[in-house]
Amino acid sequence: GAHNHVVYYMRLGNRAKIGTSRNLKNRIATIQPEDCMAFEHGDRTVEAQRHKQFAHLRVSGEWFELDGELVRHVNDLQFA
């Protein structure tokens, strides 16, 4: 069910990819990020909300500038 879905935040350099997956381990293997910084439970709805929330930081597609508000969000998730 939907409870398996997570929205993940993966880092490559100063960019973060915000995506969703049901199998985070496989996704990490595919993308090979430097760091899977955090994740939160949620499906495409939550992913879409985050893409909108951080739209001002979007570089292209699901990649965002790892800056300000997004850094704070990731930190909040890490220490939740």
PDB file of N, CA and C in Angstrom:
ATOM      1  N   GLY A   1       0.818  -1.215   0.000  1.00  0.00           N
ATOM      2  CA  GLY A   1       0.000   0.000   0.000  1.00  0.00           C
ATOM      3  C   GLY A   1       0.844   1.253   0.000  1.00  0.00           C
ATOM      4  N   ALA A   2       0.191   2.384   0.116  1.00  0.00           N
ATOM      5  CA  ALA A   2       0.848   3.690   0.036  1.00  0.00           C
ATOM      6  C   ALA A   2       1.836   3.915   1.179  1.00  0.00           C
ATOM      7  N   HIS A   3       1.644   3.181   2.292  1.00  0.00           N
ATOM      8  CA  HIS A   3       2.521   3.377   3.446  1.00  0.00           C
ATOM      9  C   HIS A   3       3.961   2.945   3.152  1.00  0.00           C
ATOM     10  N   ASN A   4       4.172   2.238   2.042  1.00  0.00           N
ATOM     11  CA  ASN A   4       5.531   1.838   1.672  1.00  0.00           C
ATOM     12  C   ASN A   4       6.287   2.952   0.965  1.00  0.00           C
ATOM     13  N   HIS A   5       5.551   3.931   0.491  1.00  0.00           N
ATOM     14  CA  HIS A   5       6.172   4.997  -0.286  1.00  0.00           C
ATOM     15  C   HIS A   5       6.927   5.971   0.607  1.00  0.00           C
ATOM     16  N   VAL A   6       8.095   6.367   0.137  1.00  0.00           N
ATOM     17  CA  VAL A   6       8.814   7.445   0.817  1.00  0.00           C
ATOM     18  C   VAL A   6       9.192   8.511  -0.202  1.00  0.00           C
ATOM     19  N   VAL A   7       9.319   9.720   0.287  1.00  0.00           N
ATOM     20  CA  VAL A   7       9.880  10.816  -0.495  1.00  0.00           C
ATOM     21  C   VAL A   7      11.304  10.970  -0.004  1.00  0.00           C
ATOM     22  N   TYR A   8      12.265  10.869  -0.929  1.00  0.00           N
ATOM     23  CA  TYR A   8      13.673  10.878  -0.521  1.00  0.00           C
ATOM     24  C   TYR A   8      14.381  12.151  -0.969  1.00  0.00           C
ATOM     25  N   TYR A   9      15.474  12.428  -0.286  1.00  0.00           N
ATOM     26  CA  TYR A   9      16.307  13.604  -0.559  1.00  0.00           C
ATOM     27  C   TYR A   9      17.731  13.099  -0.736  1.00  0.00           C
ATOM     28  N   MET A  10      18.192  13.035  -1.982  1.00  0.00           N
ATOM     29  CA  MET A  10      19.527  12.516  -2.264  1.00  0.00           C
ATOM     30  C   MET A  10      20.426  13.635  -2.747  1.00  0.00           C
ATOM     31  N   ARG A  11      21.651  13.590  -2.279  1.00  0.00           N
ATOM     32  CA  ARG A  11      22.577  14.684  -2.573  1.00  0.00           C
ATOM     33  C   ARG A  11      23.636  14.265  -3.586  1.00  0.00           C
ATOM     34  N   LEU A  12      23.896  15.148  -4.525  1.00  0.00           N
ATOM     35  CA  LEU A  12      25.070  15.066  -5.404  1.00  0.00           C
ATOM     36  C   LEU A  12      25.658  16.464  -5.434  1.00  0.00           C
ATOM     37  N   GLY A  13      26.807  16.633  -4.811  1.00  0.00           N
ATOM     38  CA  GLY A  13      27.402  17.967  -4.731  1.00  0.00           C
ATOM     39  C   GLY A  13      26.483  18.910  -3.990  1.00  0.00           C
ATOM     40  N   ASN A  14      26.164  20.048  -4.616  1.00  0.00           N
ATOM     41  CA  ASN A  14      25.294  21.036  -3.958  1.00  0.00           C
ATOM     42  C   ASN A  14      23.874  20.966  -4.507  1.00  0.00           C
ATOM     43  N   ARG A  15      23.515  19.798  -5.028  1.00  0.00           N
ATOM     44  CA  ARG A  15      22.176  19.583  -5.560  1.00  0.00           C
ATOM     45  C   ARG A  15      21.494  18.471  -4.780  1.00  0.00           C
ATOM     46  N   ALA A  16      20.192  18.548  -4.700  1.00  0.00           N
ATOM     47  CA  ALA A  16      19.425  17.491  -4.057  1.00  0.00           C
ATOM     48  C   ALA A  16      18.322  17.027  -4.997  1.00  0.00           C
ATOM     49  N   LYS A  17      18.138  15.726  -5.068  1.00  0.00           N
ATOM     50  CA  LYS A  17      17.046  15.167  -5.848  1.00  0.00           C
ATOM     51  C   LYS A  17      15.920  14.814  -4.892  1.00  0.00           C
ATOM     52  N   ILE A  18      14.739  15.338  -5.180  1.00  0.00           N
ATOM     53  CA  ILE A  18      13.562  15.016  -4.387  1.00  0.00           C
ATOM     54  C   ILE A  18      12.697  14.098  -5.236  1.00  0.00           C
ATOM     55  N   GLY A  19      12.598  12.849  -4.813  1.00  0.00           N
ATOM     56  CA  GLY A  19      11.816  11.878  -5.569  1.00  0.00           C
ATOM     57  C   GLY A  19      11.065  10.964  -4.642  1.00  0.00           C
ATOM     58  N   THR A  20      10.323  10.042  -5.237  1.00  0.00           N
ATOM     59  CA  THR A  20       9.565   9.097  -4.419  1.00  0.00           C
ATOM     60  C   THR A  20       9.842   7.677  -4.888  1.00  0.00           C
ATOM     61  N   SER A  21       9.779   6.741  -3.963  1.00  0.00           N
ATOM     62  CA  SER A  21      10.078   5.354  -4.285  1.00  0.00           C
ATOM     63  C   SER A  21       9.426   4.423  -3.290  1.00  0.00           C
ATOM     64  N   ARG A  22       9.169   3.188  -3.721  1.00  0.00           N
ATOM     65  CA  ARG A  22       8.692   2.159  -2.797  1.00  0.00           C
ATOM     66  C   ARG A  22       9.859   1.297  -2.357  1.00  0.00           C
ATOM     67  N   ASN A  23      10.963   1.401  -3.066  1.00  0.00           N
ATOM     68  CA  ASN A  23      12.136   0.615  -2.700  1.00  0.00           C
ATOM     69  C   ASN A  23      13.358   1.522  -2.706  1.00  0.00           C
ATOM     70  N   LEU A  24      13.583   2.131  -1.563  1.00  0.00           N
ATOM     71  CA  LEU A  24      14.627   3.143  -1.443  1.00  0.00           C
ATOM     72  C   LEU A  24      16.010   2.572  -1.739  1.00  0.00           C
ATOM     73  N   LYS A  25      16.255   1.357  -1.283  1.00  0.00           N
ATOM     74  CA  LYS A  25      17.570   0.738  -1.495  1.00  0.00           C
ATOM     75  C   LYS A  25      17.897   0.617  -2.975  1.00  0.00           C
ATOM     76  N   ASN A  26      16.940   0.140  -3.754  1.00  0.00           N
ATOM     77  CA  ASN A  26      17.124   0.015  -5.202  1.00  0.00           C
ATOM     78  C   ASN A  26      17.335   1.370  -5.858  1.00  0.00           C
ATOM     79  N   ARG A  27      16.580   2.343  -5.377  1.00  0.00           N
ATOM     80  CA  ARG A  27      16.642   3.694  -5.943  1.00  0.00           C
ATOM     81  C   ARG A  27      18.042   4.285  -5.701  1.00  0.00           C
ATOM     82  N   ILE A  28      18.551   4.096  -4.496  1.00  0.00           N
ATOM     83  CA  ILE A  28      19.889   4.597  -4.159  1.00  0.00           C
ATOM     84  C   ILE A  28      20.925   3.936  -5.061  1.00  0.00           C
ATOM     85  N   ALA A  29      20.775   2.631  -5.291  1.00  0.00           N
ATOM     86  CA  ALA A  29      21.701   1.903  -6.162  1.00  0.00           C
ATOM     87  C   ALA A  29      21.648   2.446  -7.590  1.00  0.00           C
ATOM     88  N   THR A  30      20.456   2.816  -8.047  1.00  0.00           N
ATOM     89  CA  THR A  30      20.277   3.338  -9.402  1.00  0.00           C
ATOM     90  C   THR A  30      20.881   4.728  -9.554  1.00  0.00           C
ATOM     91  N   ILE A  31      20.571   5.601  -8.606  1.00  0.00           N
ATOM     92  CA  ILE A  31      21.003   7.006  -8.701  1.00  0.00           C
ATOM     93  C   ILE A  31      22.452   7.183  -8.258  1.00  0.00           C
ATOM     94  N   GLN A  32      22.884   6.345  -7.330  1.00  0.00           N
ATOM     95  CA  GLN A  32      24.229   6.434  -6.746  1.00  0.00           C
ATOM     96  C   GLN A  32      24.591   7.842  -6.277  1.00  0.00           C
ATOM     97  N   PRO A  33      23.818   8.351  -5.333  1.00  0.00           N
ATOM     98  CA  PRO A  33      24.103   9.689  -4.810  1.00  0.00           C
ATOM     99  C   PRO A  33      25.297   9.643  -3.872  1.00  0.00           C
ATOM    100  N   GLU A  34      25.845  10.790  -3.561  1.00  0.00           N
ATOM    101  CA  GLU A  34      26.902  10.853  -2.555  1.00  0.00           C
ATOM    102  C   GLU A  34      26.311  10.567  -1.180  1.00  0.00           C
ATOM    103  N   ASP A  35      25.041  10.896  -1.043  1.00  0.00           N
ATOM    104  CA  ASP A  35      24.428  10.796   0.270  1.00  0.00           C
ATOM    105  C   ASP A  35      22.915  10.742   0.122  1.00  0.00           C
ATOM    106  N   CYS A  36      22.272   9.779   0.772  1.00  0.00           N
ATOM    107  CA  CYS A  36      20.819   9.854   0.899  1.00  0.00           C
ATOM    108  C   CYS A  36      20.589  10.545   2.226  1.00  0.00           C
ATOM    109  N   MET A  37      20.273  11.817   2.165  1.00  0.00           N
ATOM    110  CA  MET A  37      20.275  12.648   3.361  1.00  0.00           C
ATOM    111  C   MET A  37      19.117  12.354   4.297  1.00  0.00           C
ATOM    112  N   ALA A  38      17.950  12.124   3.711  1.00  0.00           N
ATOM    113  CA  ALA A  38      16.759  11.948   4.535  1.00  0.00           C
ATOM    114  C   ALA A  38      15.621  11.413   3.687  1.00  0.00           C
ATOM    115  N   PHE A  39      14.594  10.944   4.376  1.00  0.00           N
ATOM    116  CA  PHE A  39      13.363  10.599   3.678  1.00  0.00           C
ATOM    117  C   PHE A  39      12.201  10.806   4.632  1.00  0.00           C
ATOM    118  N   GLU A  40      11.031  10.904   4.046  1.00  0.00           N
ATOM    119  CA  GLU A  40       9.817  11.035   4.848  1.00  0.00           C
ATOM    120  C   GLU A  40       8.756  10.159   4.202  1.00  0.00           C
ATOM    121  N   HIS A  41       7.811   9.684   4.999  1.00  0.00           N
ATOM    122  CA  HIS A  41       6.757   8.848   4.443  1.00  0.00           C
ATOM    123  C   HIS A  41       5.851   9.707   3.583  1.00  0.00           C
ATOM    124  N   GLY A  42       5.526   9.183   2.418  1.00  0.00           N
ATOM    125  CA  GLY A  42       4.645   9.919   1.518  1.00  0.00           C
ATOM    126  C   GLY A  42       4.789   9.415   0.100  1.00  0.00           C
ATOM    127  N   ASP A  43       3.770   9.679  -0.696  1.00  0.00           N
ATOM    128  CA  ASP A  43       3.768   9.218  -2.081  1.00  0.00           C
ATOM    129  C   ASP A  43       3.932  10.413  -3.021  1.00  0.00           C
ATOM    130  N   ARG A  44       3.444  10.272  -4.247  1.00  0.00           N
ATOM    131  CA  ARG A  44       3.606  11.331  -5.244  1.00  0.00           C
ATOM    132  C   ARG A  44       2.939  12.638  -4.834  1.00  0.00           C
ATOM    133  N   THR A  45       1.909  12.551  -3.996  1.00  0.00           N
ATOM    134  CA  THR A  45       1.223  13.755  -3.515  1.00  0.00           C
ATOM    135  C   THR A  45       2.178  14.603  -2.687  1.00  0.00           C
ATOM    136  N   VAL A  46       2.872  13.954  -1.762  1.00  0.00           N
ATOM    137  CA  VAL A  46       3.843  14.651  -0.911  1.00  0.00           C
ATOM    138  C   VAL A  46       5.010  15.138  -1.759  1.00  0.00           C
ATOM    139  N   GLU A  47       5.464  14.286  -2.676  1.00  0.00           N
ATOM    140  CA  GLU A  47       6.555  14.669  -3.577  1.00  0.00           C
ATOM    141  C   GLU A  47       6.184  15.938  -4.347  1.00  0.00           C
ATOM    142  N   ALA A  48       4.973  15.981  -4.882  1.00  0.00           N
ATOM    143  CA  ALA A  48       4.504  17.142  -5.641  1.00  0.00           C
ATOM    144  C   ALA A  48       4.456  18.394  -4.763  1.00  0.00           C
ATOM    145  N   GLN A  49       4.024  18.213  -3.509  1.00  0.00           N
ATOM    146  CA  GLN A  49       3.989  19.334  -2.561  1.00  0.00           C
ATOM    147  C   GLN A  49       5.392  19.888  -2.342  1.00  0.00           C
ATOM    148  N   ARG A  50       6.366  18.977  -2.175  1.00  0.00           N
ATOM    149  CA  ARG A  50       7.746  19.413  -1.942  1.00  0.00           C
ATOM    150  C   ARG A  50       8.314  20.105  -3.172  1.00  0.00           C
ATOM    151  N   HIS A  51       8.027  19.563  -4.356  1.00  0.00           N
ATOM    152  CA  HIS A  51       8.511  20.182  -5.592  1.00  0.00           C
ATOM    153  C   HIS A  51       7.986  21.608  -5.708  1.00  0.00           C
ATOM    154  N   LYS A  52       6.733  21.802  -5.282  1.00  0.00           N
ATOM    155  CA  LYS A  52       6.114  23.124  -5.321  1.00  0.00           C
ATOM    156  C   LYS A  52       6.729  24.028  -4.258  1.00  0.00           C
ATOM    157  N   GLN A  53       6.881  23.461  -3.057  1.00  0.00           N
ATOM    158  CA  GLN A  53       7.429  24.193  -1.911  1.00  0.00           C
ATOM    159  C   GLN A  53       8.825  24.731  -2.210  1.00  0.00           C
ATOM    160  N   PHE A  54       9.629  23.931  -2.927  1.00  0.00           N
ATOM    161  CA  PHE A  54      11.015  24.313  -3.191  1.00  0.00           C
ATOM    162  C   PHE A  54      11.236  24.705  -4.655  1.00  0.00           C
ATOM    163  N   ALA A  55      10.153  25.065  -5.332  1.00  0.00           N
ATOM    164  CA  ALA A  55      10.219  25.396  -6.768  1.00  0.00           C
ATOM    165  C   ALA A  55      11.248  26.491  -7.064  1.00  0.00           C
ATOM    166  N   HIS A  56      11.401  27.422  -6.138  1.00  0.00           N
ATOM    167  CA  HIS A  56      12.353  28.521  -6.342  1.00  0.00           C
ATOM    168  C   HIS A  56      13.805  28.026  -6.336  1.00  0.00           C
ATOM    169  N   LEU A  57      14.026  26.793  -5.899  1.00  0.00           N
ATOM    170  CA  LEU A  57      15.387  26.232  -5.864  1.00  0.00           C
ATOM    171  C   LEU A  57      15.613  25.206  -6.973  1.00  0.00           C
ATOM    172  N   ARG A  58      14.591  24.984  -7.815  1.00  0.00           N
ATOM    173  CA  ARG A  58      14.684  23.945  -8.835  1.00  0.00           C
ATOM    174  C   ARG A  58      15.758  24.254  -9.871  1.00  0.00           C
ATOM    175  N   VAL A  59      16.600  23.262 -10.134  1.00  0.00           N
ATOM    176  CA  VAL A  59      17.626  23.377 -11.168  1.00  0.00           C
ATOM    177  C   VAL A  59      17.048  22.796 -12.456  1.00  0.00           C
ATOM    178  N   SER A  60      16.605  21.542 -12.393  1.00  0.00           N
ATOM    179  CA  SER A  60      15.866  20.928 -13.493  1.00  0.00           C
ATOM    180  C   SER A  60      15.235  19.636 -13.009  1.00  0.00           C
ATOM    181  N   GLY A  61      14.060  19.341 -13.511  1.00  0.00           N
ATOM    182  CA  GLY A  61      13.360  18.118 -13.137  1.00  0.00           C
ATOM    183  C   GLY A  61      13.188  17.980 -11.636  1.00  0.00           C
ATOM    184  N   GLU A  62      13.768  16.901 -11.079  1.00  0.00           N
ATOM    185  CA  GLU A  62      13.647  16.638  -9.641  1.00  0.00           C
ATOM    186  C   GLU A  62      14.866  17.129  -8.873  1.00  0.00           C
ATOM    187  N   TRP A  63      15.732  17.896  -9.537  1.00  0.00           N
ATOM    188  CA  TRP A  63      16.973  18.367  -8.902  1.00  0.00           C
ATOM    189  C   TRP A  63      16.832  19.802  -8.433  1.00  0.00           C
ATOM    190  N   PHE A  64      17.243  20.017  -7.200  1.00  0.00           N
ATOM    191  CA  PHE A  64      17.088  21.315  -6.559  1.00  0.00           C
ATOM    192  C   PHE A  64      18.410  21.774  -5.958  1.00  0.00           C
ATOM    193  N   GLU A  65      18.579  23.093  -5.933  1.00  0.00           N
ATOM    194  CA  GLU A  65      19.726  23.706  -5.277  1.00  0.00           C
ATOM    195  C   GLU A  65      19.610  23.405  -3.788  1.00  0.00           C
ATOM    196  N   LEU A  66      20.679  22.850  -3.214  1.00  0.00           N
ATOM    197  CA  LEU A  66      20.642  22.503  -1.792  1.00  0.00           C
ATOM    198  C   LEU A  66      20.971  23.759  -0.994  1.00  0.00           C
ATOM    199  N   ASP A  67      19.919  24.494  -0.640  1.00  0.00           N
ATOM    200  CA  ASP A  67      20.123  25.810  -0.063  1.00  0.00           C
ATOM    201  C   ASP A  67      19.002  26.155   0.920  1.00  0.00           C
ATOM    202  N   GLY A  68      19.311  27.031   1.836  1.00  0.00           N
ATOM    203  CA  GLY A  68      18.334  27.647   2.734  1.00  0.00           C
ATOM    204  C   GLY A  68      17.245  26.743   3.257  1.00  0.00           C
ATOM    205  N   GLU A  69      16.055  26.994   2.737  1.00  0.00           N
ATOM    206  CA  GLU A  69      14.830  26.333   3.182  1.00  0.00           C
ATOM    207  C   GLU A  69      14.913  24.814   3.030  1.00  0.00           C
ATOM    208  N   LEU A  70      15.501  24.359   1.933  1.00  0.00           N
ATOM    209  CA  LEU A  70      15.605  22.919   1.675  1.00  0.00           C
ATOM    210  C   LEU A  70      16.566  22.255   2.663  1.00  0.00           C
ATOM    211  N   VAL A  71      17.662  22.915   2.953  1.00  0.00           N
ATOM    212  CA  VAL A  71      18.623  22.408   3.951  1.00  0.00           C
ATOM    213  C   VAL A  71      17.932  22.270   5.308  1.00  0.00           C
ATOM    214  N   ARG A  72      17.169  23.280   5.667  1.00  0.00           N
ATOM    215  CA  ARG A  72      16.449  23.261   6.949  1.00  0.00           C
ATOM    216  C   ARG A  72      15.438  22.117   6.991  1.00  0.00           C
ATOM    217  N   HIS A  73      14.731  21.909   5.886  1.00  0.00           N
ATOM    218  CA  HIS A  73      13.751  20.827   5.814  1.00  0.00           C
ATOM    219  C   HIS A  73      14.419  19.462   6.002  1.00  0.00           C
ATOM    220  N   VAL A  74      15.542  19.252   5.308  1.00  0.00           N
ATOM    221  CA  VAL A  74      16.292  18.008   5.419  1.00  0.00           C
ATOM    222  C   VAL A  74      16.783  17.814   6.851  1.00  0.00           C
ATOM    223  N   ASN A  75      17.302  18.870   7.455  1.00  0.00           N
ATOM    224  CA  ASN A  75      17.774  18.785   8.847  1.00  0.00           C
ATOM    225  C   ASN A  75      16.634  18.418   9.791  1.00  0.00           C
ATOM    226  N   ASP A  76      15.468  19.017   9.575  1.00  0.00           N
ATOM    227  CA  ASP A  76      14.303  18.709  10.407  1.00  0.00           C
ATOM    228  C   ASP A  76      13.954  17.231  10.303  1.00  0.00           C
ATOM    229  N   LEU A  77      14.033  16.681   9.095  1.00  0.00           N
ATOM    230  CA  LEU A  77      13.713  15.267   8.901  1.00  0.00           C
ATOM    231  C   LEU A  77      14.751  14.371   9.562  1.00  0.00           C
ATOM    232  N   GLN A  78      16.019  14.765   9.458  1.00  0.00           N
ATOM    233  CA  GLN A  78      17.105  13.953  10.033  1.00  0.00           C
ATOM    234  C   GLN A  78      16.971  13.858  11.541  1.00  0.00           C
ATOM    235  N   PHE A  79      16.512  14.929  12.162  1.00  0.00           N
ATOM    236  CA  PHE A  79      16.500  14.957  13.620  1.00  0.00           C
ATOM    237  C   PHE A  79      15.108  14.787  14.199  1.00  0.00           C
ATOM    238  N   ALA A  80      14.157  14.427  13.335  1.00  0.00           N
ATOM    239  CA  ALA A  80      12.776  14.234  13.790  1.00  0.00           C
ATOM    240  C   ALA A  80      12.692  13.014  14.711  1.00  0.00           C
TER     241      ALA A  80
END
